[in-house]
Amino acid sequence: MSKSQDNQAVSSAPQQNHSNPLEILYDNLLKALGHREQEVFRYLALVAPAIGGFIWLASVPPQKTGLFIVASLGLQLILVLGASYCIALSYHYRYMLAQIRKIEDALKISNHIIPFWKRTKTQSIKKARLGCMPWCSPPEVIKVFWYAFLMLIVLLSVGICLTKPVCLVICVTVVFGTLSLLFGWIVVPVLYGCKLQNVYKTKE
């Protein structure tokens, strides 16, 4: 074999390895799956300054109650958005898992996958429920941060009431804190659970 033929064989090898678009998509989805769990760390960059701002806020003179309420509500809003962001990441994580399993079936490699990984359409729909409700359950890493955001909402609400024991502050904090907790704990997982159910139902 001549030298030119050897070069052609070498240059054509990568093209043969990546000739199947499904294999390329499968590889990209596996990489994106790992990045999804890491994206929650970006949101934490907002939480640390917010907590520091609350510590400063606690030293504000009592007569500035309005400023204290506005800043406290803003901090609670950041936390509930953090909890909601965790569920949004979880939905995209579950969506990519469903897509990966579908590609594995198309590539006919599902028989080589461990039984724990394989899941039928019925099993997927059942997994995306909590009792009788649609539910988007976060994967383990994201679930830790989801619980952390929910606990911070509770602790922050208690801390605000203890720091400024004023009737108006307590009423606003309890109402907004309760709504934030219910929104991040129940409403958002149910909404994304409905979307996840639709994804699984359309899965062939």
C-alpha atoms as a PDB file:
ATOM      1  CA  MET A   1       0.000   0.000   0.000  1.00  0.00           C
ATOM      2  CA  SER A   2       1.336   3.407  -0.964  1.00  0.00           C
ATOM      3  CA  LYS A   3       1.841   6.305   1.414  1.00  0.00           C
ATOM      4  CA  SER A   4      -1.044   8.289  -0.127  1.00  0.00           C
ATOM      5  CA  GLN A   5      -3.411   5.368   0.394  1.00  0.00           C
ATOM      6  CA  ASP A   6      -2.316   5.128   4.037  1.00  0.00           C
ATOM      7  CA  ASN A   7      -3.083   8.832   4.566  1.00  0.00           C
ATOM      8  CA  GLN A   8      -6.519   8.424   3.003  1.00  0.00           C
ATOM      9  CA  ALA A   9      -7.278   5.482   5.268  1.00  0.00           C
ATOM     10  CA  VAL A  10      -6.249   7.440   8.361  1.00  0.00           C
ATOM     11  CA  SER A  11      -8.229  10.538   7.392  1.00  0.00           C
ATOM     12  CA  SER A  12     -11.345   8.506   6.645  1.00  0.00           C
ATOM     13  CA  ALA A  13     -11.272   6.675   9.999  1.00  0.00           C
ATOM     14  CA  PRO A  14     -12.818   9.501  12.079  1.00  0.00           C
ATOM     15  CA  GLN A  15     -15.547   9.936   9.489  1.00  0.00           C
ATOM     16  CA  GLN A  16     -16.427   6.249   9.753  1.00  0.00           C
ATOM     17  CA  ASN A  17     -16.531   6.424  13.553  1.00  0.00           C
ATOM     18  CA  HIS A  18     -18.933   9.370  13.478  1.00  0.00           C
ATOM     19  CA  SER A  19     -20.923   8.482  10.370  1.00  0.00           C
ATOM     20  CA  ASN A  20     -24.102   7.786  12.328  1.00  0.00           C
ATOM     21  CA  PRO A  21     -25.892  11.004  13.406  1.00  0.00           C
ATOM     22  CA  LEU A  22     -27.640   9.101  16.225  1.00  0.00           C
ATOM     23  CA  GLU A  23     -24.288   8.158  17.719  1.00  0.00           C
ATOM     24  CA  ILE A  24     -23.168  11.792  17.646  1.00  0.00           C
ATOM     25  CA  LEU A  25     -26.429  12.931  19.245  1.00  0.00           C
ATOM     26  CA  TYR A  26     -26.166  10.165  21.859  1.00  0.00           C
ATOM     27  CA  ASP A  27     -22.648  11.256  22.781  1.00  0.00           C
ATOM     28  CA  ASN A  28     -23.662  14.922  23.027  1.00  0.00           C
ATOM     29  CA  LEU A  29     -26.671  14.131  25.207  1.00  0.00           C
ATOM     30  CA  LEU A  30     -24.572  12.083  27.619  1.00  0.00           C
ATOM     31  CA  LYS A  31     -22.186  15.021  27.996  1.00  0.00           C
ATOM     32  CA  ALA A  32     -25.050  17.496  28.449  1.00  0.00           C
ATOM     33  CA  LEU A  33     -26.594  15.233  31.085  1.00  0.00           C
ATOM     34  CA  GLY A  34     -23.579  15.659  33.331  1.00  0.00           C
ATOM     35  CA  HIS A  35     -23.542  19.445  32.829  1.00  0.00           C
ATOM     36  CA  ARG A  36     -27.202  19.792  33.872  1.00  0.00           C
ATOM     37  CA  GLU A  37     -26.433  18.799  37.464  1.00  0.00           C
ATOM     38  CA  GLN A  38     -23.614  21.354  37.614  1.00  0.00           C
ATOM     39  CA  GLU A  39     -25.629  24.319  36.362  1.00  0.00           C
ATOM     40  CA  VAL A  40     -27.312  24.818  39.737  1.00  0.00           C
ATOM     41  CA  PHE A  41     -23.960  25.998  41.129  1.00  0.00           C
ATOM     42  CA  ARG A  42     -24.208  29.100  38.934  1.00  0.00           C
ATOM     43  CA  TYR A  43     -27.351  30.224  40.725  1.00  0.00           C
ATOM     44  CA  LEU A  44     -25.623  29.922  44.089  1.00  0.00           C
ATOM     45  CA  ALA A  45     -23.536  32.942  43.122  1.00  0.00           C
ATOM     46  CA  LEU A  46     -26.654  35.059  43.763  1.00  0.00           C
ATOM     47  CA  VAL A  47     -27.527  33.490  47.105  1.00  0.00           C
ATOM     48  CA  ALA A  48     -24.315  34.320  48.991  1.00  0.00           C
ATOM     49  CA  PRO A  49     -24.506  38.104  48.317  1.00  0.00           C
ATOM     50  CA  ALA A  50     -28.233  37.991  49.119  1.00  0.00           C
ATOM     51  CA  ILE A  51     -27.596  36.429  52.527  1.00  0.00           C
ATOM     52  CA  GLY A  52     -24.884  38.996  53.150  1.00  0.00           C
ATOM     53  CA  GLY A  53     -27.360  41.717  52.233  1.00  0.00           C
ATOM     54  CA  PHE A  54     -29.840  40.377  54.756  1.00  0.00           C
ATOM     55  CA  ILE A  55     -27.219  40.484  57.498  1.00  0.00           C
ATOM     56  CA  TRP A  56     -26.631  44.138  56.624  1.00  0.00           C
ATOM     57  CA  LEU A  57     -30.372  44.681  56.493  1.00  0.00           C
ATOM     58  CA  ALA A  58     -30.769  43.456  60.055  1.00  0.00           C
ATOM     59  CA  SER A  59     -28.767  46.478  61.201  1.00  0.00           C
ATOM     60  CA  VAL A  60     -31.104  48.972  59.510  1.00  0.00           C
ATOM     61  CA  PRO A  61     -32.793  51.320  62.043  1.00  0.00           C
ATOM     62  CA  PRO A  62     -36.286  50.165  63.078  1.00  0.00           C
ATOM     63  CA  GLN A  63     -37.995  53.224  61.594  1.00  0.00           C
ATOM     64  CA  LYS A  64     -37.115  52.048  58.071  1.00  0.00           C
ATOM     65  CA  THR A  65     -39.640  49.212  58.126  1.00  0.00           C
ATOM     66  CA  GLY A  66     -40.673  49.687  54.489  1.00  0.00           C
ATOM     67  CA  LEU A  67     -37.106  49.247  53.255  1.00  0.00           C
ATOM     68  CA  PHE A  68     -36.718  46.153  55.401  1.00  0.00           C
ATOM     69  CA  ILE A  69     -39.910  44.581  53.998  1.00  0.00           C
ATOM     70  CA  VAL A  70     -38.975  45.265  50.369  1.00  0.00           C
ATOM     71  CA  ALA A  71     -35.476  43.858  50.787  1.00  0.00           C
ATOM     72  CA  SER A  72     -36.766  40.815  52.687  1.00  0.00           C
ATOM     73  CA  LEU A  73     -39.322  40.041  49.987  1.00  0.00           C
ATOM     74  CA  GLY A  74     -36.609  40.391  47.351  1.00  0.00           C
ATOM     75  CA  LEU A  75     -34.433  37.862  49.171  1.00  0.00           C
ATOM     76  CA  GLN A  76     -37.344  35.435  49.534  1.00  0.00           C
ATOM     77  CA  LEU A  77     -38.034  35.844  45.824  1.00  0.00           C
ATOM     78  CA  ILE A  78     -34.428  34.906  44.994  1.00  0.00           C
ATOM     79  CA  LEU A  79     -34.770  31.741  47.071  1.00  0.00           C
ATOM     80  CA  VAL A  80     -38.063  30.639  45.518  1.00  0.00           C
ATOM     81  CA  LEU A  81     -36.616  31.261  42.065  1.00  0.00           C
ATOM     82  CA  GLY A  82     -33.679  29.086  43.070  1.00  0.00           C
ATOM     83  CA  ALA A  83     -36.041  26.258  44.060  1.00  0.00           C
ATOM     84  CA  SER A  84     -37.962  26.695  40.794  1.00  0.00           C
ATOM     85  CA  TYR A  85     -34.712  26.703  38.820  1.00  0.00           C
ATOM     86  CA  CYS A  86     -33.791  23.346  40.379  1.00  0.00           C
ATOM     87  CA  ILE A  87     -37.072  21.835  39.158  1.00  0.00           C
ATOM     88  CA  ALA A  88     -36.588  23.336  35.684  1.00  0.00           C
ATOM     89  CA  LEU A  89     -33.139  21.736  35.497  1.00  0.00           C
ATOM     90  CA  SER A  90     -34.677  18.475  36.695  1.00  0.00           C
ATOM     91  CA  TYR A  91     -37.229  18.556  33.886  1.00  0.00           C
ATOM     92  CA  HIS A  92     -34.537  19.039  31.262  1.00  0.00           C
ATOM     93  CA  TYR A  93     -32.516  16.254  32.914  1.00  0.00           C
ATOM     94  CA  ARG A  94     -35.477  13.835  32.736  1.00  0.00           C
ATOM     95  CA  TYR A  95     -36.256  14.926  29.185  1.00  0.00           C
ATOM     96  CA  MET A  96     -32.720  14.139  28.049  1.00  0.00           C
ATOM     97  CA  LEU A  97     -32.869  10.775  29.816  1.00  0.00           C
ATOM     98  CA  ALA A  98     -35.993   9.905  27.849  1.00  0.00           C
ATOM     99  CA  GLN A  99     -34.299  10.971  24.631  1.00  0.00           C
ATOM    100  CA  ILE A 100     -31.180   8.943  25.439  1.00  0.00           C
ATOM    101  CA  ARG A 101     -33.265   5.808  26.081  1.00  0.00           C
ATOM    102  CA  LYS A 102     -35.058   6.311  22.774  1.00  0.00           C
ATOM    103  CA  ILE A 103     -31.734   6.577  20.918  1.00  0.00           C
ATOM    104  CA  GLU A 104     -30.495   3.445  22.684  1.00  0.00           C
ATOM    105  CA  ASP A 105     -33.516   1.582  21.336  1.00  0.00           C
ATOM    106  CA  ALA A 106     -32.858   2.945  17.841  1.00  0.00           C
ATOM    107  CA  LEU A 107     -29.194   1.893  18.026  1.00  0.00           C
ATOM    108  CA  LYS A 108     -30.301  -1.546  19.333  1.00  0.00           C
ATOM    109  CA  ILE A 109     -28.025  -1.383  22.345  1.00  0.00           C
ATOM    110  CA  SER A 110     -30.745  -1.481  25.003  1.00  0.00           C
ATOM    111  CA  ASN A 111     -30.035  -5.171  25.635  1.00  0.00           C
ATOM    112  CA  HIS A 112     -26.553  -4.199  26.818  1.00  0.00           C
ATOM    113  CA  ILE A 113     -27.884  -1.646  29.337  1.00  0.00           C
ATOM    114  CA  ILE A 114     -28.228  -2.608  33.005  1.00  0.00           C
ATOM    115  CA  PRO A 115     -31.867  -3.353  33.981  1.00  0.00           C
ATOM    116  CA  PHE A 116     -31.975  -0.434  36.437  1.00  0.00           C
ATOM    117  CA  TRP A 117     -31.350   2.013  33.577  1.00  0.00           C
ATOM    118  CA  LYS A 118     -33.951   0.566  31.205  1.00  0.00           C
ATOM    119  CA  ARG A 119     -37.506   1.795  31.667  1.00  0.00           C
ATOM    120  CA  THR A 120     -40.705   1.214  29.719  1.00  0.00           C
ATOM    121  CA  LYS A 121     -43.212   3.904  28.781  1.00  0.00           C
ATOM    122  CA  THR A 122     -45.572   2.810  31.583  1.00  0.00           C
ATOM    123  CA  GLN A 123     -42.766   2.805  34.145  1.00  0.00           C
ATOM    124  CA  SER A 124     -41.659   6.283  33.080  1.00  0.00           C
ATOM    125  CA  ILE A 125     -45.178   7.704  33.450  1.00  0.00           C
ATOM    126  CA  LYS A 126     -45.541   6.067  36.862  1.00  0.00           C
ATOM    127  CA  LYS A 127     -42.166   7.464  37.946  1.00  0.00           C
ATOM    128  CA  ALA A 128     -43.299  10.987  37.039  1.00  0.00           C
ATOM    129  CA  ARG A 129     -46.097  10.895  39.620  1.00  0.00           C
ATOM    130  CA  LEU A 130     -46.368  11.453  43.361  1.00  0.00           C
ATOM    131  CA  GLY A 131     -49.498   9.673  44.462  1.00  0.00           C
ATOM    132  CA  CYS A 132     -52.234  10.920  42.154  1.00  0.00           C
ATOM    133  CA  MET A 133     -50.350  14.079  41.105  1.00  0.00           C
ATOM    134  CA  PRO A 134     -47.970  14.606  38.181  1.00  0.00           C
ATOM    135  CA  TRP A 135     -44.549  15.238  39.675  1.00  0.00           C
ATOM    136  CA  CYS A 136     -41.082  16.155  38.460  1.00  0.00           C
ATOM    137  CA  SER A 137     -38.650  14.613  40.919  1.00  0.00           C
ATOM    138  CA  PRO A 138     -35.142  16.117  40.952  1.00  0.00           C
ATOM    139  CA  PRO A 139     -32.135  13.794  40.566  1.00  0.00           C
ATOM    140  CA  GLU A 140     -30.041  13.299  43.672  1.00  0.00           C
ATOM    141  CA  VAL A 141     -27.532  16.157  43.258  1.00  0.00           C
ATOM    142  CA  ILE A 142     -30.134  18.745  42.266  1.00  0.00           C
ATOM    143  CA  LYS A 143     -32.499  17.502  44.987  1.00  0.00           C
ATOM    144  CA  VAL A 144     -29.993  18.532  47.670  1.00  0.00           C
ATOM    145  CA  PHE A 145     -30.024  22.136  46.453  1.00  0.00           C
ATOM    146  CA  TRP A 146     -33.812  22.083  45.997  1.00  0.00           C
ATOM    147  CA  TYR A 147     -34.269  21.070  49.649  1.00  0.00           C
ATOM    148  CA  ALA A 148     -31.684  23.672  50.669  1.00  0.00           C
ATOM    149  CA  PHE A 149     -33.567  26.499  48.926  1.00  0.00           C
ATOM    150  CA  LEU A 150     -36.856  25.417  50.538  1.00  0.00           C
ATOM    151  CA  MET A 151     -35.260  25.238  53.988  1.00  0.00           C
ATOM    152  CA  LEU A 152     -33.686  28.678  53.498  1.00  0.00           C
ATOM    153  CA  ILE A 153     -37.138  30.121  52.740  1.00  0.00           C
ATOM    154  CA  VAL A 154     -38.399  28.795  56.092  1.00  0.00           C
ATOM    155  CA  LEU A 155     -35.311  29.872  58.040  1.00  0.00           C
ATOM    156  CA  LEU A 156     -35.305  33.305  56.415  1.00  0.00           C
ATOM    157  CA  SER A 157     -38.967  33.868  57.247  1.00  0.00           C
ATOM    158  CA  VAL A 158     -38.337  32.934  60.881  1.00  0.00           C
ATOM    159  CA  GLY A 159     -35.227  35.112  60.986  1.00  0.00           C
ATOM    160  CA  ILE A 160     -37.070  38.127  59.571  1.00  0.00           C
ATOM    161  CA  CYS A 161     -39.846  37.824  62.142  1.00  0.00           C
ATOM    162  CA  LEU A 162     -37.353  37.523  64.997  1.00  0.00           C
ATOM    163  CA  THR A 163     -35.180  40.371  63.720  1.00  0.00           C
ATOM    164  CA  LYS A 164     -38.036  42.852  63.214  1.00  0.00           C
ATOM    165  CA  PRO A 165     -40.953  41.762  65.439  1.00  0.00           C
ATOM    166  CA  VAL A 166     -43.313  44.335  63.935  1.00  0.00           C
ATOM    167  CA  CYS A 167     -46.891  43.346  63.127  1.00  0.00           C
ATOM    168  CA  LEU A 168     -46.696  44.482  59.491  1.00  0.00           C
ATOM    169  CA  VAL A 169     -43.352  42.761  58.926  1.00  0.00           C
ATOM    170  CA  ILE A 170     -44.557  39.509  60.476  1.00  0.00           C
ATOM    171  CA  CYS A 171     -47.811  39.446  58.474  1.00  0.00           C
ATOM    172  CA  VAL A 172     -46.144  40.174  55.126  1.00  0.00           C
ATOM    173  CA  THR A 173     -43.288  37.736  55.796  1.00  0.00           C
ATOM    174  CA  VAL A 174     -45.545  34.855  56.869  1.00  0.00           C
ATOM    175  CA  VAL A 175     -47.914  35.286  53.910  1.00  0.00           C
ATOM    176  CA  PHE A 176     -45.215  35.701  51.268  1.00  0.00           C
ATOM    177  CA  GLY A 177     -42.998  33.023  52.821  1.00  0.00           C
ATOM    178  CA  THR A 178     -45.862  30.509  52.874  1.00  0.00           C
ATOM    179  CA  LEU A 179     -46.793  31.252  49.261  1.00  0.00           C
ATOM    180  CA  SER A 180     -43.139  30.993  48.206  1.00  0.00           C
ATOM    181  CA  LEU A 181     -42.757  27.659  49.971  1.00  0.00           C
ATOM    182  CA  LEU A 182     -45.907  26.215  48.405  1.00  0.00           C
ATOM    183  CA  PHE A 183     -44.916  27.501  44.970  1.00  0.00           C
ATOM    184  CA  GLY A 184     -41.399  26.035  45.049  1.00  0.00           C
ATOM    185  CA  TRP A 185     -42.373  22.839  46.864  1.00  0.00           C
ATOM    186  CA  ILE A 186     -45.659  21.853  45.158  1.00  0.00           C
ATOM    187  CA  VAL A 187     -46.791  24.120  42.293  1.00  0.00           C
ATOM    188  CA  VAL A 188     -43.593  24.080  40.206  1.00  0.00           C
ATOM    189  CA  PRO A 189     -42.965  20.288  40.511  1.00  0.00           C
ATOM    190  CA  VAL A 190     -46.589  19.626  39.512  1.00  0.00           C
ATOM    191  CA  LEU A 191     -46.411  21.955  36.498  1.00  0.00           C
ATOM    192  CA  TYR A 192     -43.195  20.403  35.229  1.00  0.00           C
ATOM    193  CA  GLY A 193     -44.580  16.981  36.115  1.00  0.00           C
ATOM    194  CA  CYS A 194     -47.447  17.600  33.676  1.00  0.00           C
ATOM    195  CA  LYS A 195     -44.935  18.515  30.964  1.00  0.00           C
ATOM    196  CA  LEU A 196     -42.915  15.400  31.770  1.00  0.00           C
ATOM    197  CA  GLN A 197     -46.039  13.219  31.553  1.00  0.00           C
ATOM    198  CA  ASN A 198     -46.694  14.576  28.065  1.00  0.00           C
ATOM    199  CA  VAL A 199     -43.122  13.766  27.039  1.00  0.00           C
ATOM    200  CA  TYR A 200     -43.441  10.175  28.245  1.00  0.00           C
ATOM    201  CA  LYS A 201     -46.892   9.703  26.692  1.00  0.00           C
ATOM    202  CA  THR A 202     -45.607  10.738  23.273  1.00  0.00           C
ATOM    203  CA  LYS A 203     -42.619   8.413  23.591  1.00  0.00           C
ATOM    204  CA  GLU A 204     -42.917   5.566  21.117  1.00  0.00           C
END
